[in-house]
Structures are given as structure tokens and as C-alpha cells.
Amino acid sequence: MNHLAFILIVVSAVMHALWNLLVKRSRHKTVFIWWMFICSGGLFSLIIPLLPEQFHRPDARTLLLVSIGAVCFVLYHLFTGRAYRGGDLSVVYPLCQTSMVYVPIWGVVLLGEHLSFSGVCGIMLVVFGTYSIQLQHLSFAEITRPFRNLKSPSVRDALSAGFIYSIGSIAEKSGVRNYSPLYFTYLLVLIMLFLMSFNMLRPKYRALIGAELREHWGLILCSGPIMMASFLTFRYGLNMSQVSYAVPVRQVSIVIGVLIGIIFLKESFGRIRFVSALFVMAGVVLIRLG
């Protein structure tokens, strides 16, 4: 992975951790995320005419890839939310991260990517660190616990979320290969906002839209540029690197999220989180070298 791509994806990871912090501080998470997309999409629309990069009308293939990515990421959030409603965090969280198992496979098989030995080792370390960070203790029984009840709806939803996210990542990589990452991201945000707006029409959300804005308008305004920076830096970095590396490297956001939780939310660190964070960081370094 080249130096600039690595920096862009790490910056994206920082921004991703920050906007997740904003979501944690909100009251109604689904409504807040919708407002984030409103703010980010509005900011995009305001600054795009001022940028020197010329807009090119997307062809049918690009529109298809943007739409696939948008649908996949909206479904990812939907399945993740459903999994958390019915399952424990220590079971659901690791299973939702299984996208990193699929992404390198799709990258090699579908996109013809080639991985170095150190890169593969790095991916494995990141996968293990990401998977283990919410486990209660490090043991074979604990590591296999999330997979023991495949009949559970929350387990199936979490596994579906991981698989769907991997498909969206491949669609993104294919899309930014031959189209501007700036305008690909803009179209992606607009389509995701359009899809999420249908969910906001449900009666249980209507009364919450205004309440969330009144209570957290400051956080919502901050979220727009943070989310836009997270989206853009990742897709520009993705355009310069292999998706098999880009998605695992972005998991450094987990380490940043843990640090934010300790410093700002006064969460406990714990030995498992510490060891898992070390695995993630070691894996990211190997990917950079690979």
C-alpha cells in the first residue's frame, strides 16, 4: 500500500471514529444518523460547485455500482441494528466484522488483486484483533461462542451484515476505478439519504425528527463535515490501493474508538481490548509494509 493511500485511509478511520462518537452521544440513533446524512449531503451540494474537478455524467455501470454500494450499506446498518436488538454486544459485534474475511477473497477472485505474504499476515492480525475486541476473555471456547447458535436471528443478522458490507466494498472499489471518487461519494450519500428517508416516514420516527434536531443541533452540524471527510478520504485512498488492504486498514478506527471511549466516555480499557488493539495495530503496520 502506497504512503498517500495509507494516510488517507487512516485519516478516514479517525473521522469514522469521531462520527461514531457523535452517534453515541445522541438520543435517537437512527434519526441522528439520518440528520447526519442530511447535513453531509447538504454540505456536499454547497461546495461541489466551488471545486475545480469537473462533473462527468456517470454511465449506467457507475450508477449501478453506486446503487449497489448504497443499498448494501443501508442494509448493513439495518441488519446490524436488528442484531443488536436481539443479541449481546460480545456476540453481535465480532460477527458484524466478518466482512474483512470476505473482502480479500472478493478482491483476489473478482478484481484480480495480488496480496503479499506480509499483507496476508497483516489482514489476519487485523481480523483477529477486530473480532476479539469485544470478547469477554481470550480462549477457544469464547472465540467460537458467537458461532455456536447459528439458529439465533441475531447471529444470522450479524453474519448477514458482515457479508453485505463486503459486497458494498467491492462495488465501491469497482466504481472508483473509472469514476471520480468525489462524485462517486456524492452520489452514494444522496442515494443512501434517499433510502433512509423512506424509513423516516414510519410513524414511530416522525415525532422524533424535530426532537432530535432541537436537542442535538450542534452535534448534527459538526457531523456533516466529519462524515464527509470520512467518506471522501476513504474513497480516494481506496482508488489508490487494493480493497483487500484498504478495508482492514480502516479498522484502525476501532483502536481510535477505544481511546475515545476511555478518554471522553470514561469507559474501562481492559486487557482484552488492549491486546486486541495491539493486534490491529500490528496488522496495519504489516499491511503498510506489504
C-alpha atoms as a PDB file:
ATOM      1  CA  MET A   1       0.000   0.000   0.000  1.00  0.00           C
ATOM      2  CA  ASN A   2       1.486   3.359  -1.002  1.00  0.00           C
ATOM      3  CA  HIS A   3       2.136   6.108   1.527  1.00  0.00           C
ATOM      4  CA  LEU A   4      -0.605   8.543   0.449  1.00  0.00           C
ATOM      5  CA  ALA A   5      -3.308   5.860   0.303  1.00  0.00           C
ATOM      6  CA  PHE A   6      -2.324   4.683   3.772  1.00  0.00           C
ATOM      7  CA  ILE A   7      -2.518   8.221   5.213  1.00  0.00           C
ATOM      8  CA  LEU A   8      -5.905   8.877   3.582  1.00  0.00           C
ATOM      9  CA  ILE A   9      -7.413   5.669   4.949  1.00  0.00           C
ATOM     10  CA  VAL A  10      -6.040   6.305   8.449  1.00  0.00           C
ATOM     11  CA  VAL A  11      -7.499   9.842   8.350  1.00  0.00           C
ATOM     12  CA  SER A  12     -10.786   8.287   7.255  1.00  0.00           C
ATOM     13  CA  ALA A  13     -10.591   5.915  10.225  1.00  0.00           C
ATOM     14  CA  VAL A  14     -10.126   8.853  12.616  1.00  0.00           C
ATOM     15  CA  MET A  15     -13.113  10.671  11.122  1.00  0.00           C
ATOM     16  CA  HIS A  16     -15.164   7.464  11.238  1.00  0.00           C
ATOM     17  CA  ALA A  17     -14.421   7.042  14.946  1.00  0.00           C
ATOM     18  CA  LEU A  18     -15.366  10.676  15.584  1.00  0.00           C
ATOM     19  CA  TRP A  19     -18.751  10.490  13.904  1.00  0.00           C
ATOM     20  CA  ASN A  20     -19.464   7.254  15.764  1.00  0.00           C
ATOM     21  CA  LEU A  21     -18.729   9.172  18.977  1.00  0.00           C
ATOM     22  CA  LEU A  22     -21.329  11.743  17.932  1.00  0.00           C
ATOM     23  CA  VAL A  23     -23.853   8.961  17.314  1.00  0.00           C
ATOM     24  CA  LYS A  24     -23.172   7.542  20.792  1.00  0.00           C
ATOM     25  CA  ARG A  25     -23.901  10.939  22.337  1.00  0.00           C
ATOM     26  CA  SER A  26     -27.235  11.280  20.513  1.00  0.00           C
ATOM     27  CA  ARG A  27     -30.572  10.136  21.916  1.00  0.00           C
ATOM     28  CA  HIS A  28     -32.329   8.530  18.938  1.00  0.00           C
ATOM     29  CA  LYS A  29     -29.535   6.889  16.944  1.00  0.00           C
ATOM     30  CA  THR A  30     -31.396   6.114  13.712  1.00  0.00           C
ATOM     31  CA  VAL A  31     -32.840   9.618  13.484  1.00  0.00           C
ATOM     32  CA  PHE A  32     -29.489  11.190  14.313  1.00  0.00           C
ATOM     33  CA  ILE A  33     -27.735   9.232  11.549  1.00  0.00           C
ATOM     34  CA  TRP A  34     -30.406  10.421   9.100  1.00  0.00           C
ATOM     35  CA  TRP A  35     -29.739  14.021  10.156  1.00  0.00           C
ATOM     36  CA  MET A  36     -26.007  13.373   9.674  1.00  0.00           C
ATOM     37  CA  PHE A  37     -26.649  12.385   6.087  1.00  0.00           C
ATOM     38  CA  ILE A  38     -28.875  15.447   5.597  1.00  0.00           C
ATOM     39  CA  CYS A  39     -26.076  17.684   6.856  1.00  0.00           C
ATOM     40  CA  SER A  40     -23.336  15.866   4.918  1.00  0.00           C
ATOM     41  CA  GLY A  41     -25.366  15.801   1.688  1.00  0.00           C
ATOM     42  CA  GLY A  42     -26.236  19.472   2.050  1.00  0.00           C
ATOM     43  CA  LEU A  43     -22.602  20.405   2.644  1.00  0.00           C
ATOM     44  CA  PHE A  44     -21.573  18.342  -0.390  1.00  0.00           C
ATOM     45  CA  SER A  45     -24.130  20.148  -2.537  1.00  0.00           C
ATOM     46  CA  LEU A  46     -22.883  23.567  -1.397  1.00  0.00           C
ATOM     47  CA  ILE A  47     -19.163  23.024  -2.009  1.00  0.00           C
ATOM     48  CA  ILE A  48     -19.186  20.896  -5.158  1.00  0.00           C
ATOM     49  CA  PRO A  49     -19.894  23.857  -7.493  1.00  0.00           C
ATOM     50  CA  LEU A  50     -16.847  25.614  -5.984  1.00  0.00           C
ATOM     51  CA  LEU A  51     -14.438  22.747  -6.662  1.00  0.00           C
ATOM     52  CA  PRO A  52     -12.239  22.645  -9.782  1.00  0.00           C
ATOM     53  CA  GLU A  53     -12.956  18.996 -10.584  1.00  0.00           C
ATOM     54  CA  GLN A  54     -15.424  18.855 -13.470  1.00  0.00           C
ATOM     55  CA  PHE A  55     -18.553  16.750 -13.152  1.00  0.00           C
ATOM     56  CA  HIS A  56     -18.908  13.942 -15.673  1.00  0.00           C
ATOM     57  CA  ARG A  57     -22.251  12.288 -16.127  1.00  0.00           C
ATOM     58  CA  PRO A  58     -21.989   8.747 -14.749  1.00  0.00           C
ATOM     59  CA  ASP A  59     -22.613   5.908 -17.149  1.00  0.00           C
ATOM     60  CA  ALA A  60     -25.011   3.065 -16.445  1.00  0.00           C
ATOM     61  CA  ARG A  61     -22.285   0.884 -14.932  1.00  0.00           C
ATOM     62  CA  THR A  62     -21.223   3.569 -12.454  1.00  0.00           C
ATOM     63  CA  LEU A  63     -24.823   4.257 -11.438  1.00  0.00           C
ATOM     64  CA  LEU A  64     -25.338   0.539 -10.900  1.00  0.00           C
ATOM     65  CA  LEU A  65     -22.224   0.275  -8.702  1.00  0.00           C
ATOM     66  CA  VAL A  66     -23.184   3.367  -6.682  1.00  0.00           C
ATOM     67  CA  SER A  67     -26.675   1.954  -6.173  1.00  0.00           C
ATOM     68  CA  ILE A  68     -25.330  -1.452  -5.126  1.00  0.00           C
ATOM     69  CA  GLY A  69     -22.984   0.199  -2.641  1.00  0.00           C
ATOM     70  CA  ALA A  70     -25.731   2.410  -1.214  1.00  0.00           C
ATOM     71  CA  VAL A  71     -28.204  -0.461  -0.834  1.00  0.00           C
ATOM     72  CA  CYS A  72     -25.533  -2.667   0.773  1.00  0.00           C
ATOM     73  CA  PHE A  73     -24.505  -0.041   3.326  1.00  0.00           C
ATOM     74  CA  VAL A  74     -28.104   0.797   4.241  1.00  0.00           C
ATOM     75  CA  LEU A  75     -28.838  -2.928   4.657  1.00  0.00           C
ATOM     76  CA  TYR A  76     -25.656  -3.285   6.716  1.00  0.00           C
ATOM     77  CA  HIS A  77     -26.934  -0.703   9.213  1.00  0.00           C
ATOM     78  CA  LEU A  78     -30.381  -2.312   9.186  1.00  0.00           C
ATOM     79  CA  PHE A  79     -29.095  -5.829   9.905  1.00  0.00           C
ATOM     80  CA  THR A  80     -26.623  -4.546  12.491  1.00  0.00           C
ATOM     81  CA  GLY A  81     -29.394  -2.713  14.326  1.00  0.00           C
ATOM     82  CA  ARG A  82     -31.626  -5.778  14.256  1.00  0.00           C
ATOM     83  CA  ALA A  83     -28.793  -7.963  15.541  1.00  0.00           C
ATOM     84  CA  TYR A  84     -28.101  -5.619  18.464  1.00  0.00           C
ATOM     85  CA  ARG A  85     -31.772  -5.525  19.436  1.00  0.00           C
ATOM     86  CA  GLY A  86     -31.844  -9.282  19.975  1.00  0.00           C
ATOM     87  CA  GLY A  87     -28.272 -10.221  20.801  1.00  0.00           C
ATOM     88  CA  ASP A  88     -25.440  -9.443  23.171  1.00  0.00           C
ATOM     89  CA  LEU A  89     -22.738  -6.994  22.110  1.00  0.00           C
ATOM     90  CA  SER A  90     -19.994  -9.586  22.661  1.00  0.00           C
ATOM     91  CA  VAL A  91     -21.709 -11.910  20.169  1.00  0.00           C
ATOM     92  CA  VAL A  92     -23.020  -9.449  17.588  1.00  0.00           C
ATOM     93  CA  TYR A  93     -20.034  -7.118  17.265  1.00  0.00           C
ATOM     94  CA  PRO A  94     -17.440  -9.741  16.201  1.00  0.00           C
ATOM     95  CA  LEU A  95     -19.813 -11.309  13.686  1.00  0.00           C
ATOM     96  CA  CYS A  96     -20.587  -7.942  12.078  1.00  0.00           C
ATOM     97  CA  GLN A  97     -16.861  -7.561  11.373  1.00  0.00           C
ATOM     98  CA  THR A  98     -16.656 -10.762   9.301  1.00  0.00           C
ATOM     99  CA  SER A  99     -16.726  -8.583   6.168  1.00  0.00           C
ATOM    100  CA  MET A 100     -12.926  -8.474   6.407  1.00  0.00           C
ATOM    101  CA  VAL A 101     -12.827 -12.223   5.798  1.00  0.00           C
ATOM    102  CA  TYR A 102     -14.794 -11.880   2.565  1.00  0.00           C
ATOM    103  CA  VAL A 103     -13.251  -8.680   1.168  1.00  0.00           C
ATOM    104  CA  PRO A 104      -9.758 -10.104   0.431  1.00  0.00           C
ATOM    105  CA  ILE A 105     -11.389 -13.159  -1.178  1.00  0.00           C
ATOM    106  CA  TRP A 106     -13.568 -10.990  -3.438  1.00  0.00           C
ATOM    107  CA  GLY A 107     -10.574  -8.736  -4.131  1.00  0.00           C
ATOM    108  CA  VAL A 108      -8.435 -11.624  -5.368  1.00  0.00           C
ATOM    109  CA  VAL A 109     -11.168 -13.595  -7.172  1.00  0.00           C
ATOM    110  CA  LEU A 110     -13.235 -10.767  -8.674  1.00  0.00           C
ATOM    111  CA  LEU A 111     -10.769  -7.889  -9.027  1.00  0.00           C
ATOM    112  CA  GLY A 112      -7.557  -9.817  -9.670  1.00  0.00           C
ATOM    113  CA  GLU A 113      -5.696  -8.305  -6.696  1.00  0.00           C
ATOM    114  CA  HIS A 114      -2.402  -9.817  -5.551  1.00  0.00           C
ATOM    115  CA  LEU A 115      -1.510  -9.962  -1.863  1.00  0.00           C
ATOM    116  CA  SER A 116       1.975 -10.218  -0.392  1.00  0.00           C
ATOM    117  CA  PHE A 117       2.805 -12.605   2.447  1.00  0.00           C
ATOM    118  CA  SER A 118       3.198  -9.757   4.945  1.00  0.00           C
ATOM    119  CA  GLY A 119      -0.047  -8.246   3.674  1.00  0.00           C
ATOM    120  CA  VAL A 120      -1.931 -11.502   4.260  1.00  0.00           C
ATOM    121  CA  CYS A 121      -0.424 -11.789   7.758  1.00  0.00           C
ATOM    122  CA  GLY A 122      -1.455  -8.199   8.441  1.00  0.00           C
ATOM    123  CA  ILE A 123      -5.026  -8.844   7.310  1.00  0.00           C
ATOM    124  CA  MET A 124      -5.221 -11.907   9.573  1.00  0.00           C
ATOM    125  CA  LEU A 125      -3.978  -9.915  12.575  1.00  0.00           C
ATOM    126  CA  VAL A 126      -6.495  -7.129  11.935  1.00  0.00           C
ATOM    127  CA  VAL A 127      -9.324  -9.655  11.532  1.00  0.00           C
ATOM    128  CA  PHE A 128      -8.400 -11.385  14.794  1.00  0.00           C
ATOM    129  CA  GLY A 129      -7.958  -8.112  16.695  1.00  0.00           C
ATOM    130  CA  THR A 130     -11.252  -6.720  15.409  1.00  0.00           C
ATOM    131  CA  TYR A 131     -13.073  -9.956  16.148  1.00  0.00           C
ATOM    132  CA  SER A 132     -11.703 -10.360  19.667  1.00  0.00           C
ATOM    133  CA  ILE A 133     -12.019  -6.792  20.957  1.00  0.00           C
ATOM    134  CA  GLN A 134     -15.499  -7.341  22.440  1.00  0.00           C
ATOM    135  CA  LEU A 135     -14.928 -10.872  23.753  1.00  0.00           C
ATOM    136  CA  GLN A 136     -15.120 -11.453  27.480  1.00  0.00           C
ATOM    137  CA  HIS A 137     -11.876 -13.443  27.727  1.00  0.00           C
ATOM    138  CA  LEU A 138      -9.343 -14.948  25.335  1.00  0.00           C
ATOM    139  CA  SER A 139      -9.985 -18.670  24.982  1.00  0.00           C
ATOM    140  CA  PHE A 140     -11.010 -21.059  22.222  1.00  0.00           C
ATOM    141  CA  ALA A 141     -14.450 -21.513  23.776  1.00  0.00           C
ATOM    142  CA  GLU A 142     -15.024 -17.748  23.928  1.00  0.00           C
ATOM    143  CA  ILE A 143     -13.737 -17.156  20.397  1.00  0.00           C
ATOM    144  CA  THR A 144     -16.102 -19.771  18.958  1.00  0.00           C
ATOM    145  CA  ARG A 145     -19.072 -18.707  21.124  1.00  0.00           C
ATOM    146  CA  PRO A 146     -20.605 -16.274  18.584  1.00  0.00           C
ATOM    147  CA  PHE A 147     -20.905 -19.103  16.027  1.00  0.00           C
ATOM    148  CA  ARG A 148     -22.460 -21.692  18.331  1.00  0.00           C
ATOM    149  CA  ASN A 149     -26.070 -20.679  17.847  1.00  0.00           C
ATOM    150  CA  LEU A 150     -26.487 -20.176  14.115  1.00  0.00           C
ATOM    151  CA  LYS A 151     -30.236 -20.619  14.536  1.00  0.00           C
ATOM    152  CA  SER A 152     -30.426 -17.390  16.526  1.00  0.00           C
ATOM    153  CA  PRO A 153     -31.924 -14.495  14.490  1.00  0.00           C
ATOM    154  CA  SER A 154     -29.370 -12.044  15.956  1.00  0.00           C
ATOM    155  CA  VAL A 155     -26.459 -14.268  14.885  1.00  0.00           C
ATOM    156  CA  ARG A 156     -27.866 -14.629  11.368  1.00  0.00           C
ATOM    157  CA  ASP A 157     -28.489 -10.877  11.141  1.00  0.00           C
ATOM    158  CA  ALA A 158     -24.928 -10.109  12.269  1.00  0.00           C
ATOM    159  CA  LEU A 159     -23.422 -12.546   9.746  1.00  0.00           C
ATOM    160  CA  SER A 160     -25.649 -11.069   7.030  1.00  0.00           C
ATOM    161  CA  ALA A 161     -24.414  -7.578   7.925  1.00  0.00           C
ATOM    162  CA  GLY A 162     -20.784  -8.637   7.515  1.00  0.00           C
ATOM    163  CA  PHE A 163     -21.423 -10.339   4.183  1.00  0.00           C
ATOM    164  CA  ILE A 164     -23.472  -7.444   2.777  1.00  0.00           C
ATOM    165  CA  TYR A 165     -20.817  -4.896   3.769  1.00  0.00           C
ATOM    166  CA  SER A 166     -18.183  -6.872   1.850  1.00  0.00           C
ATOM    167  CA  ILE A 167     -20.310  -6.721  -1.320  1.00  0.00           C
ATOM    168  CA  GLY A 168     -20.689  -2.956  -0.913  1.00  0.00           C
ATOM    169  CA  SER A 169     -16.929  -2.550  -0.536  1.00  0.00           C
ATOM    170  CA  ILE A 170     -16.267  -4.410  -3.791  1.00  0.00           C
ATOM    171  CA  ALA A 171     -18.883  -2.294  -5.589  1.00  0.00           C
ATOM    172  CA  GLU A 172     -17.147   0.846  -4.301  1.00  0.00           C
ATOM    173  CA  LYS A 173     -13.714  -0.295  -5.427  1.00  0.00           C
ATOM    174  CA  SER A 174     -15.023  -1.170  -8.873  1.00  0.00           C
ATOM    175  CA  GLY A 175     -16.788   2.176  -9.106  1.00  0.00           C
ATOM    176  CA  VAL A 176     -13.900   4.473  -8.148  1.00  0.00           C
ATOM    177  CA  ARG A 177     -11.560   2.716 -10.572  1.00  0.00           C
ATOM    178  CA  ASN A 178     -13.084   4.521 -13.543  1.00  0.00           C
ATOM    179  CA  TYR A 179     -15.021   7.391 -11.994  1.00  0.00           C
ATOM    180  CA  SER A 180     -14.193  10.342  -9.762  1.00  0.00           C
ATOM    181  CA  PRO A 181     -14.124   9.338  -6.049  1.00  0.00           C
ATOM    182  CA  LEU A 182     -15.540  12.791  -5.256  1.00  0.00           C
ATOM    183  CA  TYR A 183     -18.669  12.423  -7.357  1.00  0.00           C
ATOM    184  CA  PHE A 184     -18.987   8.700  -6.604  1.00  0.00           C
ATOM    185  CA  THR A 185     -19.117   9.586  -2.903  1.00  0.00           C
ATOM    186  CA  TYR A 186     -21.603  12.384  -3.542  1.00  0.00           C
ATOM    187  CA  LEU A 187     -23.948  10.080  -5.450  1.00  0.00           C
ATOM    188  CA  LEU A 188     -23.527   7.404  -2.782  1.00  0.00           C
ATOM    189  CA  VAL A 189     -24.508   9.815   0.003  1.00  0.00           C
ATOM    190  CA  LEU A 190     -27.560  11.060  -1.930  1.00  0.00           C
ATOM    191  CA  ILE A 191     -28.839   7.555  -2.676  1.00  0.00           C
ATOM    192  CA  MET A 192     -28.274   6.407   0.913  1.00  0.00           C
ATOM    193  CA  LEU A 193     -30.101   9.504   2.160  1.00  0.00           C
ATOM    194  CA  PHE A 194     -32.975   8.801  -0.240  1.00  0.00           C
ATOM    195  CA  LEU A 195     -33.268   5.205   1.022  1.00  0.00           C
ATOM    196  CA  MET A 196     -33.033   6.183   4.697  1.00  0.00           C
ATOM    197  CA  SER A 197     -35.678   8.879   4.222  1.00  0.00           C
ATOM    198  CA  PHE A 198     -38.242   6.187   3.433  1.00  0.00           C
ATOM    199  CA  ASN A 199     -37.518   4.668   6.834  1.00  0.00           C
ATOM    200  CA  MET A 200     -38.057   8.078   8.466  1.00  0.00           C
ATOM    201  CA  LEU A 201     -41.618   8.128   7.090  1.00  0.00           C
ATOM    202  CA  ARG A 202     -42.588   5.408   9.544  1.00  0.00           C
ATOM    203  CA  PRO A 203     -44.899   6.752  12.292  1.00  0.00           C
ATOM    204  CA  LYS A 204     -42.513   5.867  15.133  1.00  0.00           C
ATOM    205  CA  TYR A 205     -39.839   8.200  13.735  1.00  0.00           C
ATOM    206  CA  ARG A 206     -41.905  11.207  12.665  1.00  0.00           C
ATOM    207  CA  ALA A 207     -42.200  12.740  16.125  1.00  0.00           C
ATOM    208  CA  LEU A 208     -38.512  12.133  16.846  1.00  0.00           C
ATOM    209  CA  ILE A 209     -37.103  14.039  13.864  1.00  0.00           C
ATOM    210  CA  GLY A 210     -37.767  17.515  15.237  1.00  0.00           C
ATOM    211  CA  ALA A 211     -36.944  16.483  18.821  1.00  0.00           C
ATOM    212  CA  GLU A 212     -33.509  15.172  17.853  1.00  0.00           C
ATOM    213  CA  LEU A 213     -32.724  18.318  15.881  1.00  0.00           C
ATOM    214  CA  ARG A 214     -33.723  20.601  18.753  1.00  0.00           C
ATOM    215  CA  GLU A 215     -31.722  18.625  21.303  1.00  0.00           C
ATOM    216  CA  HIS A 216     -28.560  17.956  19.307  1.00  0.00           C
ATOM    217  CA  TRP A 217     -28.417  20.538  16.519  1.00  0.00           C
ATOM    218  CA  GLY A 218     -24.805  21.345  17.428  1.00  0.00           C
ATOM    219  CA  LEU A 219     -23.710  17.712  17.111  1.00  0.00           C
ATOM    220  CA  ILE A 220     -25.599  17.413  13.831  1.00  0.00           C
ATOM    221  CA  LEU A 221     -23.814  20.450  12.377  1.00  0.00           C
ATOM    222  CA  CYS A 222     -20.446  19.018  13.448  1.00  0.00           C
ATOM    223  CA  SER A 223     -21.294  15.652  11.946  1.00  0.00           C
ATOM    224  CA  GLY A 224     -21.649  16.932   8.368  1.00  0.00           C
ATOM    225  CA  PRO A 225     -18.002  17.834   7.675  1.00  0.00           C
ATOM    226  CA  ILE A 226     -16.733  14.894   9.768  1.00  0.00           C
ATOM    227  CA  MET A 227     -18.787  12.343   7.844  1.00  0.00           C
ATOM    228  CA  MET A 228     -17.919  13.970   4.514  1.00  0.00           C
ATOM    229  CA  ALA A 229     -14.198  13.847   5.367  1.00  0.00           C
ATOM    230  CA  SER A 230     -14.505  10.201   6.406  1.00  0.00           C
ATOM    231  CA  PHE A 231     -16.264   9.233   3.187  1.00  0.00           C
ATOM    232  CA  LEU A 232     -14.017  11.171   0.821  1.00  0.00           C
ATOM    233  CA  THR A 233     -10.638  10.236   2.305  1.00  0.00           C
ATOM    234  CA  PHE A 234     -11.567   6.558   2.303  1.00  0.00           C
ATOM    235  CA  ARG A 235     -12.715   6.521  -1.300  1.00  0.00           C
ATOM    236  CA  TYR A 236      -9.692   8.456  -2.546  1.00  0.00           C
ATOM    237  CA  GLY A 237      -7.488   6.040  -0.600  1.00  0.00           C
ATOM    238  CA  LEU A 238      -9.482   3.125  -1.991  1.00  0.00           C
ATOM    239  CA  ASN A 239      -8.852   4.392  -5.507  1.00  0.00           C
ATOM    240  CA  MET A 240      -5.075   4.228  -4.859  1.00  0.00           C
ATOM    241  CA  SER A 241      -4.917   0.855  -3.091  1.00  0.00           C
ATOM    242  CA  GLN A 242      -6.278  -2.654  -3.130  1.00  0.00           C
ATOM    243  CA  VAL A 243      -9.629  -3.078  -1.415  1.00  0.00           C
ATOM    244  CA  SER A 244      -8.202  -6.196   0.268  1.00  0.00           C
ATOM    245  CA  TYR A 245      -5.864  -3.878   2.185  1.00  0.00           C
ATOM    246  CA  ALA A 246      -7.988  -0.729   2.435  1.00  0.00           C
ATOM    247  CA  VAL A 247     -10.887  -2.243   4.398  1.00  0.00           C
ATOM    248  CA  PRO A 248      -8.676  -3.896   7.067  1.00  0.00           C
ATOM    249  CA  VAL A 249      -6.525  -0.756   7.476  1.00  0.00           C
ATOM    250  CA  ARG A 250      -9.634   1.293   8.132  1.00  0.00           C
ATOM    251  CA  GLN A 251     -10.252  -0.900  11.174  1.00  0.00           C
ATOM    252  CA  VAL A 252      -7.688   1.240  12.985  1.00  0.00           C
ATOM    253  CA  SER A 253     -10.827   3.268  13.732  1.00  0.00           C
ATOM    254  CA  ILE A 254     -11.579   0.596  16.345  1.00  0.00           C
ATOM    255  CA  VAL A 255      -8.391   1.450  18.221  1.00  0.00           C
ATOM    256  CA  ILE A 256      -9.215   5.149  17.972  1.00  0.00           C
ATOM    257  CA  GLY A 257     -12.755   4.427  19.118  1.00  0.00           C
ATOM    258  CA  VAL A 258     -11.447   2.576  22.171  1.00  0.00           C
ATOM    259  CA  LEU A 259      -9.193   5.524  23.044  1.00  0.00           C
ATOM    260  CA  ILE A 260     -12.092   7.958  22.603  1.00  0.00           C
ATOM    261  CA  GLY A 261     -14.225   5.769  24.849  1.00  0.00           C
ATOM    262  CA  ILE A 262     -11.575   5.779  27.562  1.00  0.00           C
ATOM    263  CA  ILE A 263     -10.753   9.497  27.375  1.00  0.00           C
ATOM    264  CA  PHE A 264     -14.170  11.046  26.739  1.00  0.00           C
ATOM    265  CA  LEU A 265     -16.717   8.422  27.795  1.00  0.00           C
ATOM    266  CA  LYS A 266     -14.757   7.093  30.787  1.00  0.00           C
ATOM    267  CA  GLU A 267     -15.072   3.501  29.587  1.00  0.00           C
ATOM    268  CA  SER A 268     -12.826   0.816  31.029  1.00  0.00           C
ATOM    269  CA  PHE A 269      -9.971  -0.384  28.849  1.00  0.00           C
ATOM    270  CA  GLY A 270      -9.408  -3.989  29.932  1.00  0.00           C
ATOM    271  CA  ARG A 271      -6.687  -6.425  28.949  1.00  0.00           C
ATOM    272  CA  ILE A 272      -8.690  -7.904  26.073  1.00  0.00           C
ATOM    273  CA  ARG A 273      -9.211  -4.526  24.464  1.00  0.00           C
ATOM    274  CA  PHE A 274      -5.558  -3.672  24.947  1.00  0.00           C
ATOM    275  CA  VAL A 275      -4.314  -6.935  23.396  1.00  0.00           C
ATOM    276  CA  SER A 276      -6.866  -6.724  20.562  1.00  0.00           C
ATOM    277  CA  ALA A 277      -5.830  -3.139  19.818  1.00  0.00           C
ATOM    278  CA  LEU A 278      -2.203  -4.279  19.624  1.00  0.00           C
ATOM    279  CA  PHE A 279      -3.193  -7.000  17.130  1.00  0.00           C
ATOM    280  CA  VAL A 280      -4.996  -4.433  14.971  1.00  0.00           C
ATOM    281  CA  MET A 281      -2.068  -2.007  15.049  1.00  0.00           C
ATOM    282  CA  ALA A 282       0.454  -4.747  14.262  1.00  0.00           C
ATOM    283  CA  GLY A 283      -1.704  -5.893  11.354  1.00  0.00           C
ATOM    284  CA  VAL A 284      -2.000  -2.344   9.986  1.00  0.00           C
ATOM    285  CA  VAL A 285       1.798  -1.942  10.124  1.00  0.00           C
ATOM    286  CA  LEU A 286       2.294  -5.223   8.239  1.00  0.00           C
ATOM    287  CA  ILE A 287      -0.220  -4.162   5.590  1.00  0.00           C
ATOM    288  CA  ARG A 288       1.575  -0.840   5.178  1.00  0.00           C
ATOM    289  CA  LEU A 289       4.902  -2.651   4.747  1.00  0.00           C
ATOM    290  CA  GLY A 290       3.301  -5.205   2.427  1.00  0.00           C
END
